[in-house]
Amino acid sequence: MAGAAVPSFLATLEALRQQVSEAERQGDRAEAARLKEQLDAEARRVTATVTPWQRCLIARHAERPYTLDYVRGLMTDWVELHGDRGFADDPAIVTGLASFDGDSVVVVGHQKGRDTRDRLYRNFGQPRPEGYRKALRVMRLAEKFRLPVISFVDTPGAYPGIDAEERGQAEAIARNLREMAALETPIVVVVTGEGGSGGALAIGVGDRVFMLEHAVYSVISPEGCAAILWKDQSETQRAAEALRLTANDLLGFGVIDEILPEPLGGAHMDPPLAVRTVGTALRTALAELRRIRPADLPRRRYAKFRKMGAFLER
């Protein structure tokens, strides 16, 4: 698991997965098939009883596909674009041009690292203001050239450091929300892992918003919620349940449009299959959105987000 600790409830699953890989490496088809049956049974057992907190741990699994994995698996002619033209380039957000099914698209997404060195370089997928400004710069290019935007969301949240606040973190996020709402080009968003707070929402305003089955999307992490509400990290599981951060919760609230199924046990169990599933959803969404006049997209997008939430009048 790329050096990361395996959550206890996934330990048996991880052990079986390694045994299957070893049997396949040795060419023992019968043993590999037998172990694969055990693996599938264990994956069904785990996913049938998974709690909201455990979904958070699955969403954070170090072997889930990240933005660049989706780019490599689904697209060609990738050209990465760097820098916000104001301060610096932020590796926690990747942006670029690509060809998807023969059509040009713009890709924006959070990027976590695989190993310690890469995680430090990517700041663990936590963008600074220049990351969001880079994303907005590239999305404006998409609008100018009438290219659809595909956004992959997977971040613990925006970087909370003093330097980020000094450079206008809140303003950068707020500006992205405003500008994305008004872009006259299709935007498809996929929450692939962690959808952490404003750091996720800053590239999460779209005409279609998908969420992988074991992804999470919340205003704050369970750890942060537990620390604020109960001043006790042991309440993390309670916080995860209270936050209603699972895909099923968010579909019921109308925050997302569709849940994308994951391979048994999670996207990390079969990353190529997870990538193909996302690709199928993107094709369908883009085909639908291309039939809408670009000038009509902001109005429809506004109406979509305006319907979210509920309130009581007294």
C-alpha atoms as a PDB file:
ATOM      1  CA  MET A   1       0.000   0.000   0.000  1.00  0.00           C
ATOM      2  CA  ALA A   2       2.803   2.377  -0.953  1.00  0.00           C
ATOM      3  CA  GLY A   3       4.135   2.447   2.589  1.00  0.00           C
ATOM      4  CA  ALA A   4       0.844   3.552   4.164  1.00  0.00           C
ATOM      5  CA  ALA A   5      -0.644   1.695   7.123  1.00  0.00           C
ATOM      6  CA  VAL A   6      -3.472  -0.670   6.225  1.00  0.00           C
ATOM      7  CA  PRO A   7      -6.667  -0.056   8.257  1.00  0.00           C
ATOM      8  CA  SER A   8      -7.438  -3.090  10.395  1.00  0.00           C
ATOM      9  CA  PHE A   9     -10.788  -3.774   8.726  1.00  0.00           C
ATOM     10  CA  LEU A  10      -8.984  -4.042   5.352  1.00  0.00           C
ATOM     11  CA  ALA A  11      -6.106  -6.212   6.595  1.00  0.00           C
ATOM     12  CA  THR A  12      -7.558  -9.554   5.458  1.00  0.00           C
ATOM     13  CA  LEU A  13      -8.556  -8.054   2.114  1.00  0.00           C
ATOM     14  CA  GLU A  14      -5.065  -6.676   1.551  1.00  0.00           C
ATOM     15  CA  ALA A  15      -3.445 -10.003   2.496  1.00  0.00           C
ATOM     16  CA  LEU A  16      -5.652 -11.924   0.071  1.00  0.00           C
ATOM     17  CA  ARG A  17      -4.957  -9.406  -2.678  1.00  0.00           C
ATOM     18  CA  GLN A  18      -1.218  -9.912  -2.252  1.00  0.00           C
ATOM     19  CA  GLN A  19      -1.648 -13.691  -2.274  1.00  0.00           C
ATOM     20  CA  VAL A  20      -3.607 -13.515  -5.531  1.00  0.00           C
ATOM     21  CA  SER A  21      -0.872 -11.375  -7.093  1.00  0.00           C
ATOM     22  CA  GLU A  22       1.807 -13.801  -5.937  1.00  0.00           C
ATOM     23  CA  ALA A  23      -0.077 -16.826  -7.316  1.00  0.00           C
ATOM     24  CA  GLU A  24      -0.549 -15.055 -10.657  1.00  0.00           C
ATOM     25  CA  ARG A  25       3.142 -14.123 -10.719  1.00  0.00           C
ATOM     26  CA  GLN A  26       4.071 -17.767 -10.210  1.00  0.00           C
ATOM     27  CA  GLY A  27       1.663 -18.894 -12.928  1.00  0.00           C
ATOM     28  CA  ASP A  28      -0.487 -21.019 -10.573  1.00  0.00           C
ATOM     29  CA  ARG A  29      -3.887 -20.437 -12.185  1.00  0.00           C
ATOM     30  CA  ALA A  30      -5.814 -22.847  -9.966  1.00  0.00           C
ATOM     31  CA  GLU A  31      -4.498 -21.290  -6.762  1.00  0.00           C
ATOM     32  CA  ALA A  32      -5.040 -17.794  -8.118  1.00  0.00           C
ATOM     33  CA  ALA A  33      -8.668 -18.633  -8.988  1.00  0.00           C
ATOM     34  CA  ARG A  34      -9.286 -20.150  -5.542  1.00  0.00           C
ATOM     35  CA  LEU A  35      -7.814 -17.116  -3.791  1.00  0.00           C
ATOM     36  CA  LYS A  36      -9.753 -14.784  -6.064  1.00  0.00           C
ATOM     37  CA  GLU A  37     -13.008 -16.377  -4.899  1.00  0.00           C
ATOM     38  CA  GLN A  38     -11.959 -15.817  -1.287  1.00  0.00           C
ATOM     39  CA  LEU A  39     -10.982 -12.250  -2.132  1.00  0.00           C
ATOM     40  CA  ASP A  40     -14.351 -11.495  -3.719  1.00  0.00           C
ATOM     41  CA  ALA A  41     -16.218 -12.999  -0.762  1.00  0.00           C
ATOM     42  CA  GLU A  42     -14.163 -10.946   1.706  1.00  0.00           C
ATOM     43  CA  ALA A  43     -14.665  -7.787  -0.376  1.00  0.00           C
ATOM     44  CA  ARG A  44     -18.445  -8.312  -0.357  1.00  0.00           C
ATOM     45  CA  ARG A  45     -18.387  -8.841   3.407  1.00  0.00           C
ATOM     46  CA  VAL A  46     -16.350  -5.698   4.034  1.00  0.00           C
ATOM     47  CA  THR A  47     -18.347  -3.405   1.754  1.00  0.00           C
ATOM     48  CA  ALA A  48     -21.694  -4.695   3.053  1.00  0.00           C
ATOM     49  CA  THR A  49     -20.938  -3.534   6.590  1.00  0.00           C
ATOM     50  CA  VAL A  50     -18.687  -0.534   6.003  1.00  0.00           C
ATOM     51  CA  THR A  51     -19.308   2.494   8.252  1.00  0.00           C
ATOM     52  CA  PRO A  52     -19.009   6.165   7.226  1.00  0.00           C
ATOM     53  CA  TRP A  53     -15.621   6.395   8.967  1.00  0.00           C
ATOM     54  CA  GLN A  54     -14.403   3.280   7.204  1.00  0.00           C
ATOM     55  CA  ARG A  55     -15.480   4.803   3.896  1.00  0.00           C
ATOM     56  CA  CYS A  56     -13.214   7.740   4.732  1.00  0.00           C
ATOM     57  CA  LEU A  57     -10.327   5.312   5.139  1.00  0.00           C
ATOM     58  CA  ILE A  58     -11.136   3.611   1.828  1.00  0.00           C
ATOM     59  CA  ALA A  59     -11.375   7.029   0.143  1.00  0.00           C
ATOM     60  CA  ARG A  60      -7.873   7.803   1.432  1.00  0.00           C
ATOM     61  CA  HIS A  61      -6.341   4.511   0.300  1.00  0.00           C
ATOM     62  CA  ALA A  62      -2.952   5.227  -1.233  1.00  0.00           C
ATOM     63  CA  GLU A  63      -3.582   3.025  -4.277  1.00  0.00           C
ATOM     64  CA  ARG A  64      -6.804   4.634  -5.459  1.00  0.00           C
ATOM     65  CA  PRO A  65      -6.475   6.258  -8.900  1.00  0.00           C
ATOM     66  CA  TYR A  66      -5.534   9.943  -8.844  1.00  0.00           C
ATOM     67  CA  THR A  67      -6.091  12.582 -11.517  1.00  0.00           C
ATOM     68  CA  LEU A  68      -3.040  11.643 -13.585  1.00  0.00           C
ATOM     69  CA  ASP A  69      -4.089   7.976 -13.489  1.00  0.00           C
ATOM     70  CA  TYR A  70      -7.410   8.924 -15.063  1.00  0.00           C
ATOM     71  CA  VAL A  71      -5.596  11.030 -17.640  1.00  0.00           C
ATOM     72  CA  ARG A  72      -3.246   8.162 -18.549  1.00  0.00           C
ATOM     73  CA  GLY A  73      -6.058   5.611 -18.607  1.00  0.00           C
ATOM     74  CA  LEU A  74      -8.649   7.570 -20.568  1.00  0.00           C
ATOM     75  CA  MET A  75      -6.925  10.253 -22.600  1.00  0.00           C
ATOM     76  CA  THR A  76      -4.220  10.904 -25.143  1.00  0.00           C
ATOM     77  CA  ASP A  77      -2.168  13.908 -26.237  1.00  0.00           C
ATOM     78  CA  TRP A  78      -1.862  15.167 -22.663  1.00  0.00           C
ATOM     79  CA  VAL A  79      -0.182  18.561 -22.352  1.00  0.00           C
ATOM     80  CA  GLU A  80       0.136  19.805 -18.784  1.00  0.00           C
ATOM     81  CA  LEU A  81      -0.221  23.545 -18.184  1.00  0.00           C
ATOM     82  CA  HIS A  82       1.615  25.158 -15.281  1.00  0.00           C
ATOM     83  CA  GLY A  83       1.430  28.284 -13.179  1.00  0.00           C
ATOM     84  CA  ASP A  84      -1.140  30.895 -12.188  1.00  0.00           C
ATOM     85  CA  ARG A  85       0.684  33.748 -13.985  1.00  0.00           C
ATOM     86  CA  GLY A  86       0.775  35.583 -10.683  1.00  0.00           C
ATOM     87  CA  PHE A  87       2.882  33.763  -8.110  1.00  0.00           C
ATOM     88  CA  ALA A  88       3.871  30.138  -8.756  1.00  0.00           C
ATOM     89  CA  ASP A  89       2.917  26.694  -9.953  1.00  0.00           C
ATOM     90  CA  ASP A  90       1.146  24.492  -7.408  1.00  0.00           C
ATOM     91  CA  PRO A  91       1.762  20.740  -7.930  1.00  0.00           C
ATOM     92  CA  ALA A  92      -1.210  19.858  -5.702  1.00  0.00           C
ATOM     93  CA  ILE A  93      -3.469  20.734  -8.640  1.00  0.00           C
ATOM     94  CA  VAL A  94      -2.719  19.537 -12.162  1.00  0.00           C
ATOM     95  CA  THR A  95      -4.250  21.165 -15.228  1.00  0.00           C
ATOM     96  CA  GLY A  96      -3.873  20.545 -18.915  1.00  0.00           C
ATOM     97  CA  LEU A  97      -5.226  19.789 -22.354  1.00  0.00           C
ATOM     98  CA  ALA A  98      -5.995  16.292 -23.585  1.00  0.00           C
ATOM     99  CA  SER A  99      -7.915  14.328 -26.158  1.00  0.00           C
ATOM    100  CA  PHE A 100     -10.819  12.225 -24.871  1.00  0.00           C
ATOM    101  CA  ASP A 101     -12.467   9.961 -27.441  1.00  0.00           C
ATOM    102  CA  GLY A 102     -11.007  12.144 -30.172  1.00  0.00           C
ATOM    103  CA  ASP A 103     -12.331  15.427 -28.747  1.00  0.00           C
ATOM    104  CA  SER A 104     -10.234  18.070 -26.995  1.00  0.00           C
ATOM    105  CA  VAL A 105     -10.950  18.617 -23.300  1.00  0.00           C
ATOM    106  CA  VAL A 106      -9.470  20.560 -20.402  1.00  0.00           C
ATOM    107  CA  VAL A 107      -8.609  18.585 -17.271  1.00  0.00           C
ATOM    108  CA  VAL A 108      -8.329  20.008 -13.759  1.00  0.00           C
ATOM    109  CA  GLY A 109      -7.741  17.889 -10.683  1.00  0.00           C
ATOM    110  CA  HIS A 110      -6.127  17.400  -7.323  1.00  0.00           C
ATOM    111  CA  GLN A 111      -3.033  15.207  -7.276  1.00  0.00           C
ATOM    112  CA  LYS A 112      -1.786  13.358  -4.207  1.00  0.00           C
ATOM    113  CA  GLY A 113       1.599  11.671  -4.102  1.00  0.00           C
ATOM    114  CA  ARG A 114       2.311   7.948  -4.150  1.00  0.00           C
ATOM    115  CA  ASP A 115       5.465   7.892  -2.036  1.00  0.00           C
ATOM    116  CA  THR A 116       6.860  10.171   0.654  1.00  0.00           C
ATOM    117  CA  ARG A 117       8.884  12.301  -1.744  1.00  0.00           C
ATOM    118  CA  ASP A 118       5.974  12.761  -4.143  1.00  0.00           C
ATOM    119  CA  ARG A 119       3.519  13.460  -1.320  1.00  0.00           C
ATOM    120  CA  LEU A 120       5.743  16.240  -0.053  1.00  0.00           C
ATOM    121  CA  TYR A 121       6.071  17.641  -3.578  1.00  0.00           C
ATOM    122  CA  ARG A 122       2.291  17.529  -4.057  1.00  0.00           C
ATOM    123  CA  ASN A 123       1.691  18.838  -0.516  1.00  0.00           C
ATOM    124  CA  PHE A 124      -0.474  15.767   0.125  1.00  0.00           C
ATOM    125  CA  GLY A 125      -3.007  17.068  -2.409  1.00  0.00           C
ATOM    126  CA  GLN A 126      -3.707  20.252  -0.420  1.00  0.00           C
ATOM    127  CA  PRO A 127      -3.651  23.230  -2.817  1.00  0.00           C
ATOM    128  CA  ARG A 128      -2.517  26.747  -2.056  1.00  0.00           C
ATOM    129  CA  PRO A 129      -4.137  29.834  -3.624  1.00  0.00           C
ATOM    130  CA  GLU A 130      -1.922  29.630  -6.699  1.00  0.00           C
ATOM    131  CA  GLY A 131      -3.314  26.153  -7.369  1.00  0.00           C
ATOM    132  CA  TYR A 132      -6.869  27.406  -7.526  1.00  0.00           C
ATOM    133  CA  ARG A 133      -5.831  30.419  -9.590  1.00  0.00           C
ATOM    134  CA  LYS A 134      -4.039  28.114 -12.009  1.00  0.00           C
ATOM    135  CA  ALA A 135      -7.187  25.988 -12.276  1.00  0.00           C
ATOM    136  CA  LEU A 136      -9.314  29.048 -12.992  1.00  0.00           C
ATOM    137  CA  ARG A 137      -6.857  30.342 -15.588  1.00  0.00           C
ATOM    138  CA  VAL A 138      -7.052  27.053 -17.486  1.00  0.00           C
ATOM    139  CA  MET A 139     -10.841  26.817 -17.157  1.00  0.00           C
ATOM    140  CA  ARG A 140     -11.126  30.266 -18.703  1.00  0.00           C
ATOM    141  CA  LEU A 141      -9.067  28.977 -21.614  1.00  0.00           C
ATOM    142  CA  ALA A 142     -11.564  26.133 -21.905  1.00  0.00           C
ATOM    143  CA  GLU A 143     -14.411  28.630 -22.172  1.00  0.00           C
ATOM    144  CA  LYS A 144     -12.529  30.731 -24.732  1.00  0.00           C
ATOM    145  CA  PHE A 145     -11.940  27.756 -27.017  1.00  0.00           C
ATOM    146  CA  ARG A 146     -15.277  26.047 -26.279  1.00  0.00           C
ATOM    147  CA  LEU A 147     -13.688  23.000 -24.645  1.00  0.00           C
ATOM    148  CA  PRO A 148     -15.451  21.015 -21.915  1.00  0.00           C
ATOM    149  CA  VAL A 149     -13.866  20.877 -18.458  1.00  0.00           C
ATOM    150  CA  ILE A 150     -13.368  17.583 -16.606  1.00  0.00           C
ATOM    151  CA  SER A 151     -12.598  18.077 -12.913  1.00  0.00           C
ATOM    152  CA  PHE A 152     -11.303  15.336 -10.597  1.00  0.00           C
ATOM    153  CA  VAL A 153     -11.791  16.102  -6.893  1.00  0.00           C
ATOM    154  CA  ASP A 154      -9.619  14.360  -4.298  1.00  0.00           C
ATOM    155  CA  THR A 155      -8.186  16.482  -1.482  1.00  0.00           C
ATOM    156  CA  PRO A 156      -8.215  16.538   2.329  1.00  0.00           C
ATOM    157  CA  GLY A 157      -8.857  20.281   1.929  1.00  0.00           C
ATOM    158  CA  ALA A 158      -7.128  23.496   0.992  1.00  0.00           C
ATOM    159  CA  TYR A 159      -3.737  23.988   2.625  1.00  0.00           C
ATOM    160  CA  PRO A 160      -4.328  25.798   5.973  1.00  0.00           C
ATOM    161  CA  GLY A 161      -0.856  27.300   6.358  1.00  0.00           C
ATOM    162  CA  ILE A 162      -0.166  30.959   7.142  1.00  0.00           C
ATOM    163  CA  ASP A 163       1.495  31.516   3.763  1.00  0.00           C
ATOM    164  CA  ALA A 164      -1.660  30.343   1.980  1.00  0.00           C
ATOM    165  CA  GLU A 165      -3.823  32.674   4.052  1.00  0.00           C
ATOM    166  CA  GLU A 166      -1.449  35.563   3.381  1.00  0.00           C
ATOM    167  CA  ARG A 167      -1.814  35.020  -0.363  1.00  0.00           C
ATOM    168  CA  GLY A 168      -5.616  34.970  -0.235  1.00  0.00           C
ATOM    169  CA  GLN A 169      -6.731  31.365   0.097  1.00  0.00           C
ATOM    170  CA  ALA A 170     -10.351  32.246   0.901  1.00  0.00           C
ATOM    171  CA  GLU A 171     -10.544  34.777  -1.938  1.00  0.00           C
ATOM    172  CA  ALA A 172      -9.120  32.286  -4.439  1.00  0.00           C
ATOM    173  CA  ILE A 173     -11.691  29.653  -3.477  1.00  0.00           C
ATOM    174  CA  ALA A 174     -14.572  32.137  -3.531  1.00  0.00           C
ATOM    175  CA  ARG A 175     -13.537  33.464  -6.928  1.00  0.00           C
ATOM    176  CA  ASN A 176     -13.452  29.947  -8.371  1.00  0.00           C
ATOM    177  CA  LEU A 177     -16.966  29.273  -7.108  1.00  0.00           C
ATOM    178  CA  ARG A 178     -18.248  32.442  -8.729  1.00  0.00           C
ATOM    179  CA  GLU A 179     -16.394  32.015 -12.005  1.00  0.00           C
ATOM    180  CA  MET A 180     -17.155  28.317 -12.450  1.00  0.00           C
ATOM    181  CA  ALA A 181     -20.836  29.024 -11.953  1.00  0.00           C
ATOM    182  CA  ALA A 182     -20.731  31.435 -14.895  1.00  0.00           C
ATOM    183  CA  LEU A 183     -18.490  29.578 -17.365  1.00  0.00           C
ATOM    184  CA  GLU A 184     -20.154  29.057 -20.738  1.00  0.00           C
ATOM    185  CA  THR A 185     -18.708  25.606 -21.323  1.00  0.00           C
ATOM    186  CA  PRO A 186     -19.675  22.151 -20.019  1.00  0.00           C
ATOM    187  CA  ILE A 187     -18.168  21.125 -16.666  1.00  0.00           C
ATOM    188  CA  VAL A 188     -18.218  17.534 -15.410  1.00  0.00           C
ATOM    189  CA  VAL A 189     -16.975  16.878 -11.874  1.00  0.00           C
ATOM    190  CA  VAL A 190     -15.988  13.512 -10.412  1.00  0.00           C
ATOM    191  CA  VAL A 191     -15.311  13.152  -6.675  1.00  0.00           C
ATOM    192  CA  THR A 192     -12.829  10.284  -6.807  1.00  0.00           C
ATOM    193  CA  GLY A 193     -11.627  10.107  -3.204  1.00  0.00           C
ATOM    194  CA  GLU A 194     -11.777  12.786  -0.520  1.00  0.00           C
ATOM    195  CA  GLY A 195     -13.936  15.810  -1.171  1.00  0.00           C
ATOM    196  CA  GLY A 196     -12.602  17.990   1.602  1.00  0.00           C
ATOM    197  CA  SER A 197     -14.361  21.281   2.360  1.00  0.00           C
ATOM    198  CA  GLY A 198     -13.830  24.408   0.246  1.00  0.00           C
ATOM    199  CA  GLY A 199     -10.628  22.891  -1.061  1.00  0.00           C
ATOM    200  CA  ALA A 200     -12.767  20.412  -2.988  1.00  0.00           C
ATOM    201  CA  LEU A 201     -15.654  22.720  -3.822  1.00  0.00           C
ATOM    202  CA  ALA A 202     -13.274  25.234  -5.434  1.00  0.00           C
ATOM    203  CA  ILE A 203     -13.087  22.940  -8.476  1.00  0.00           C
ATOM    204  CA  GLY A 204     -16.402  21.171  -7.814  1.00  0.00           C
ATOM    205  CA  VAL A 205     -19.044  23.408  -9.410  1.00  0.00           C
ATOM    206  CA  GLY A 206     -20.299  21.494 -12.436  1.00  0.00           C
ATOM    207  CA  ASP A 207     -23.206  20.684 -14.717  1.00  0.00           C
ATOM    208  CA  ARG A 208     -22.847  17.029 -13.748  1.00  0.00           C
ATOM    209  CA  VAL A 209     -21.335  15.939 -10.441  1.00  0.00           C
ATOM    210  CA  PHE A 210     -20.449  12.274 -10.012  1.00  0.00           C
ATOM    211  CA  MET A 211     -19.079  10.536  -6.954  1.00  0.00           C
ATOM    212  CA  LEU A 212     -17.361   7.189  -6.659  1.00  0.00           C
ATOM    213  CA  GLU A 213     -19.108   4.691  -4.399  1.00  0.00           C
ATOM    214  CA  HIS A 214     -16.601   4.880  -1.539  1.00  0.00           C
ATOM    215  CA  ALA A 215     -15.627   8.529  -1.933  1.00  0.00           C
ATOM    216  CA  VAL A 216     -16.583  11.103   0.707  1.00  0.00           C
ATOM    217  CA  TYR A 217     -17.582  14.760   0.392  1.00  0.00           C
ATOM    218  CA  SER A 218     -17.909  17.012   3.416  1.00  0.00           C
ATOM    219  CA  VAL A 219     -17.541  20.522   4.825  1.00  0.00           C
ATOM    220  CA  ILE A 220     -14.813  19.277   7.188  1.00  0.00           C
ATOM    221  CA  SER A 221     -12.900  16.100   7.922  1.00  0.00           C
ATOM    222  CA  PRO A 222     -14.234  13.821  10.680  1.00  0.00           C
ATOM    223  CA  GLU A 223     -11.052  14.479  12.667  1.00  0.00           C
ATOM    224  CA  GLY A 224     -11.529  18.242  12.409  1.00  0.00           C
ATOM    225  CA  CYS A 225     -15.211  17.983  13.304  1.00  0.00           C
ATOM    226  CA  ALA A 226     -14.454  15.852  16.373  1.00  0.00           C
ATOM    227  CA  ALA A 227     -11.804  18.307  17.532  1.00  0.00           C
ATOM    228  CA  ILE A 228     -14.157  21.291  17.198  1.00  0.00           C
ATOM    229  CA  LEU A 229     -17.424  19.836  18.505  1.00  0.00           C
ATOM    230  CA  TRP A 230     -16.235  17.407  21.161  1.00  0.00           C
ATOM    231  CA  LYS A 231     -12.585  18.420  21.712  1.00  0.00           C
ATOM    232  CA  ASP A 232     -11.850  14.708  21.484  1.00  0.00           C
ATOM    233  CA  GLN A 233     -10.265  12.772  18.613  1.00  0.00           C
ATOM    234  CA  SER A 234     -11.848   9.563  19.895  1.00  0.00           C
ATOM    235  CA  GLU A 235     -15.166  10.933  18.580  1.00  0.00           C
ATOM    236  CA  THR A 236     -13.990  10.752  14.955  1.00  0.00           C
ATOM    237  CA  GLN A 237     -16.309   7.866  14.064  1.00  0.00           C
ATOM    238  CA  ARG A 238     -19.249   9.689  15.628  1.00  0.00           C
ATOM    239  CA  ALA A 239     -18.351  12.789  13.622  1.00  0.00           C
ATOM    240  CA  ALA A 240     -18.177  10.809  10.371  1.00  0.00           C
ATOM    241  CA  GLU A 241     -21.705   9.541  10.941  1.00  0.00           C
ATOM    242  CA  ALA A 242     -23.038  12.991  11.827  1.00  0.00           C
ATOM    243  CA  LEU A 243     -21.473  14.671   8.794  1.00  0.00           C
ATOM    244  CA  ARG A 244     -23.496  12.554   6.320  1.00  0.00           C
ATOM    245  CA  LEU A 245     -20.537  12.477   3.950  1.00  0.00           C
ATOM    246  CA  THR A 246     -21.097   9.260   2.007  1.00  0.00           C
ATOM    247  CA  ALA A 247     -22.149   9.046  -1.632  1.00  0.00           C
ATOM    248  CA  ASN A 248     -25.586   7.705  -0.678  1.00  0.00           C
ATOM    249  CA  ASP A 249     -26.127  10.624   1.700  1.00  0.00           C
ATOM    250  CA  LEU A 250     -25.114  13.205  -0.881  1.00  0.00           C
ATOM    251  CA  LEU A 251     -27.215  11.661  -3.627  1.00  0.00           C
ATOM    252  CA  GLY A 252     -30.207  11.865  -1.302  1.00  0.00           C
ATOM    253  CA  PHE A 253     -29.470  15.534  -0.619  1.00  0.00           C
ATOM    254  CA  GLY A 254     -29.216  16.281  -4.335  1.00  0.00           C
ATOM    255  CA  VAL A 255     -25.603  17.427  -4.011  1.00  0.00           C
ATOM    256  CA  ILE A 256     -24.420  14.884  -6.584  1.00  0.00           C
ATOM    257  CA  ASP A 257     -26.135  13.496  -9.668  1.00  0.00           C
ATOM    258  CA  GLU A 258     -24.969   9.889  -9.716  1.00  0.00           C
ATOM    259  CA  ILE A 259     -22.934   7.334  -7.773  1.00  0.00           C
ATOM    260  CA  LEU A 260     -20.337   5.461  -9.822  1.00  0.00           C
ATOM    261  CA  PRO A 261     -19.807   1.852  -8.675  1.00  0.00           C
ATOM    262  CA  GLU A 262     -16.339   0.768  -7.610  1.00  0.00           C
ATOM    263  CA  PRO A 263     -14.678  -2.631  -7.956  1.00  0.00           C
ATOM    264  CA  LEU A 264     -15.427  -4.981  -5.052  1.00  0.00           C
ATOM    265  CA  GLY A 265     -13.613  -3.661  -1.992  1.00  0.00           C
ATOM    266  CA  GLY A 266     -12.860  -0.246  -3.476  1.00  0.00           C
ATOM    267  CA  ALA A 267     -11.196   1.435  -6.445  1.00  0.00           C
ATOM    268  CA  HIS A 268      -7.750   0.408  -5.173  1.00  0.00           C
ATOM    269  CA  MET A 269      -8.632  -3.251  -5.724  1.00  0.00           C
ATOM    270  CA  ASP A 270      -8.821  -2.809  -9.508  1.00  0.00           C
ATOM    271  CA  PRO A 271      -7.746   0.712 -10.559  1.00  0.00           C
ATOM    272  CA  PRO A 272      -8.084   0.072 -14.337  1.00  0.00           C
ATOM    273  CA  LEU A 273     -11.727  -0.990 -13.858  1.00  0.00           C
ATOM    274  CA  ALA A 274     -12.419   2.099 -11.739  1.00  0.00           C
ATOM    275  CA  VAL A 275     -10.871   4.280 -14.446  1.00  0.00           C
ATOM    276  CA  ARG A 276     -13.013   2.658 -17.158  1.00  0.00           C
ATOM    277  CA  THR A 277     -16.170   3.175 -15.067  1.00  0.00           C
ATOM    278  CA  VAL A 278     -15.398   6.880 -14.754  1.00  0.00           C
ATOM    279  CA  GLY A 279     -14.681   7.056 -18.476  1.00  0.00           C
ATOM    280  CA  THR A 280     -18.107   5.642 -19.322  1.00  0.00           C
ATOM    281  CA  ALA A 281     -19.831   8.216 -17.098  1.00  0.00           C
ATOM    282  CA  LEU A 282     -17.802  11.055 -18.639  1.00  0.00           C
ATOM    283  CA  ARG A 283     -18.726  10.001 -22.191  1.00  0.00           C
ATOM    284  CA  THR A 284     -22.428   9.961 -21.401  1.00  0.00           C
ATOM    285  CA  ALA A 285     -22.364  13.294 -19.562  1.00  0.00           C
ATOM    286  CA  LEU A 286     -20.343  15.121 -22.200  1.00  0.00           C
ATOM    287  CA  ALA A 287     -22.571  13.814 -24.990  1.00  0.00           C
ATOM    288  CA  GLU A 288     -25.618  15.211 -23.168  1.00  0.00           C
ATOM    289  CA  LEU A 289     -24.006  18.555 -22.307  1.00  0.00           C
ATOM    290  CA  ARG A 290     -22.734  19.182 -25.835  1.00  0.00           C
ATOM    291  CA  ARG A 291     -26.354  19.345 -26.968  1.00  0.00           C
ATOM    292  CA  ILE A 292     -26.985  22.367 -24.712  1.00  0.00           C
ATOM    293  CA  ARG A 293     -26.201  25.861 -25.968  1.00  0.00           C
ATOM    294  CA  PRO A 294     -23.127  27.207 -24.111  1.00  0.00           C
ATOM    295  CA  ALA A 295     -24.990  30.410 -23.230  1.00  0.00           C
ATOM    296  CA  ASP A 296     -27.659  28.340 -21.433  1.00  0.00           C
ATOM    297  CA  LEU A 297     -25.234  26.407 -19.225  1.00  0.00           C
ATOM    298  CA  PRO A 298     -24.712  29.050 -16.478  1.00  0.00           C
ATOM    299  CA  ARG A 299     -28.462  29.471 -15.973  1.00  0.00           C
ATOM    300  CA  ARG A 300     -29.007  25.730 -15.715  1.00  0.00           C
ATOM    301  CA  ARG A 301     -25.991  25.362 -13.430  1.00  0.00           C
ATOM    302  CA  TYR A 302     -27.294  28.140 -11.167  1.00  0.00           C
ATOM    303  CA  ALA A 303     -30.701  26.490 -10.938  1.00  0.00           C
ATOM    304  CA  LYS A 304     -29.080  23.140 -10.133  1.00  0.00           C
ATOM    305  CA  PHE A 305     -27.099  24.488  -7.177  1.00  0.00           C
ATOM    306  CA  ARG A 306     -29.900  26.811  -6.044  1.00  0.00           C
ATOM    307  CA  LYS A 307     -32.103  23.774  -5.353  1.00  0.00           C
ATOM    308  CA  MET A 308     -29.624  22.264  -2.900  1.00  0.00           C
ATOM    309  CA  GLY A 309     -30.266  22.434   0.807  1.00  0.00           C
ATOM    310  CA  ALA A 310     -33.377  22.971   2.862  1.00  0.00           C
ATOM    311  CA  PHE A 311     -34.649  25.557   5.303  1.00  0.00           C
ATOM    312  CA  LEU A 312     -37.640  26.186   7.532  1.00  0.00           C
ATOM    313  CA  GLU A 313     -39.560  29.429   7.794  1.00  0.00           C
ATOM    314  CA  ARG A 314     -41.032  30.411  11.141  1.00  0.00           C
END
